[in-house]
Amino acid sequence: MKISSFSVKNYRSIVEERKINLKDYNVLIGKNNEGKSNILRVLSVCMSCIDDYRI
């Protein structure tokens, strides 16, 4: 499975909706407390839900 993009809204410090396009390699760059780790957390949670659903 390959994810080409996803959207995040109202998750921890991410209030406004953000659409994130993914390619083969991605780098998250930004100031401290801008939500980089939260983007990775929400992606991890979603992937866990997909894995649980497939079982």
C-alpha atoms as a PDB file:
ATOM      1  CA  MET A   1       0.000   0.000   0.000  1.00  0.00           C
ATOM      2  CA  LYS A   2       1.211   3.482  -0.816  1.00  0.00           C
ATOM      3  CA  ILE A   3      -0.224   6.665   0.664  1.00  0.00           C
ATOM      4  CA  SER A   4       0.003   9.624  -1.710  1.00  0.00           C
ATOM      5  CA  SER A   5      -1.515  12.275   0.605  1.00  0.00           C
ATOM      6  CA  PHE A   6      -3.457  12.769   3.811  1.00  0.00           C
ATOM      7  CA  SER A   7      -5.175  15.582   5.691  1.00  0.00           C
ATOM      8  CA  VAL A   8      -4.988  16.514   9.364  1.00  0.00           C
ATOM      9  CA  LYS A   9      -7.366  18.790  11.282  1.00  0.00           C
ATOM     10  CA  ASN A  10      -7.977  19.299  15.008  1.00  0.00           C
ATOM     11  CA  TYR A  11      -5.277  16.940  16.238  1.00  0.00           C
ATOM     12  CA  ARG A  12      -3.175  18.200  19.158  1.00  0.00           C
ATOM     13  CA  SER A  13      -1.501  21.436  17.995  1.00  0.00           C
ATOM     14  CA  ILE A  14      -2.813  21.164  14.411  1.00  0.00           C
ATOM     15  CA  VAL A  15      -5.993  23.259  14.364  1.00  0.00           C
ATOM     16  CA  GLU A  16      -6.353  24.226  10.721  1.00  0.00           C
ATOM     17  CA  GLU A  17      -6.677  21.554   8.066  1.00  0.00           C
ATOM     18  CA  ARG A  18      -3.407  20.697   6.364  1.00  0.00           C
ATOM     19  CA  LYS A  19      -3.160  18.485   3.319  1.00  0.00           C
ATOM     20  CA  ILE A  20       0.184  16.759   3.095  1.00  0.00           C
ATOM     21  CA  ASN A  21       1.316  15.302  -0.222  1.00  0.00           C
ATOM     22  CA  LEU A  22       3.730  12.402   0.061  1.00  0.00           C
ATOM     23  CA  LYS A  23       6.357  11.224  -2.373  1.00  0.00           C
ATOM     24  CA  ASP A  24       9.049   8.545  -2.164  1.00  0.00           C
ATOM     25  CA  TYR A  25      11.055  10.650   0.300  1.00  0.00           C
ATOM     26  CA  ASN A  26       9.811  13.432   2.575  1.00  0.00           C
ATOM     27  CA  VAL A  27      11.457  15.819   5.009  1.00  0.00           C
ATOM     28  CA  LEU A  28       9.608  17.784   7.686  1.00  0.00           C
ATOM     29  CA  ILE A  29      11.272  21.122   8.361  1.00  0.00           C
ATOM     30  CA  GLY A  30      10.044  23.867  10.663  1.00  0.00           C
ATOM     31  CA  LYS A  31      10.478  25.780  13.882  1.00  0.00           C
ATOM     32  CA  ASN A  32      10.006  24.207  17.287  1.00  0.00           C
ATOM     33  CA  ASN A  33       6.389  23.559  18.332  1.00  0.00           C
ATOM     34  CA  GLU A  34       5.025  23.836  14.780  1.00  0.00           C
ATOM     35  CA  GLY A  35       3.508  20.328  14.690  1.00  0.00           C
ATOM     36  CA  LYS A  36       6.122  18.183  12.924  1.00  0.00           C
ATOM     37  CA  SER A  37       5.965  15.429  15.546  1.00  0.00           C
ATOM     38  CA  ASN A  38       2.177  15.602  15.611  1.00  0.00           C
ATOM     39  CA  ILE A  39       2.055  14.949  11.867  1.00  0.00           C
ATOM     40  CA  LEU A  40       4.134  11.813  12.411  1.00  0.00           C
ATOM     41  CA  ARG A  41       1.952  10.765  15.368  1.00  0.00           C
ATOM     42  CA  VAL A  42      -1.312  11.107  13.461  1.00  0.00           C
ATOM     43  CA  LEU A  43       0.123   9.180  10.521  1.00  0.00           C
ATOM     44  CA  SER A  44       1.228   6.410  12.885  1.00  0.00           C
ATOM     45  CA  VAL A  45      -2.213   6.262  14.531  1.00  0.00           C
ATOM     46  CA  CYS A  46      -3.932   6.058  11.144  1.00  0.00           C
ATOM     47  CA  MET A  47      -1.616   3.306   9.921  1.00  0.00           C
ATOM     48  CA  SER A  48      -2.307   1.327  13.120  1.00  0.00           C
ATOM     49  CA  CYS A  49      -6.052   1.651  12.540  1.00  0.00           C
ATOM     50  CA  ILE A  50      -5.670   0.439   8.956  1.00  0.00           C
ATOM     51  CA  ASP A  51      -3.610  -2.561  10.122  1.00  0.00           C
ATOM     52  CA  ASP A  52      -6.210  -3.407  12.785  1.00  0.00           C
ATOM     53  CA  TYR A  53      -9.023  -3.130  10.227  1.00  0.00           C
ATOM     54  CA  ARG A  54      -7.277  -5.521   7.814  1.00  0.00           C
ATOM     55  CA  ILE A  55      -7.026  -8.180  10.531  1.00  0.00           C
END
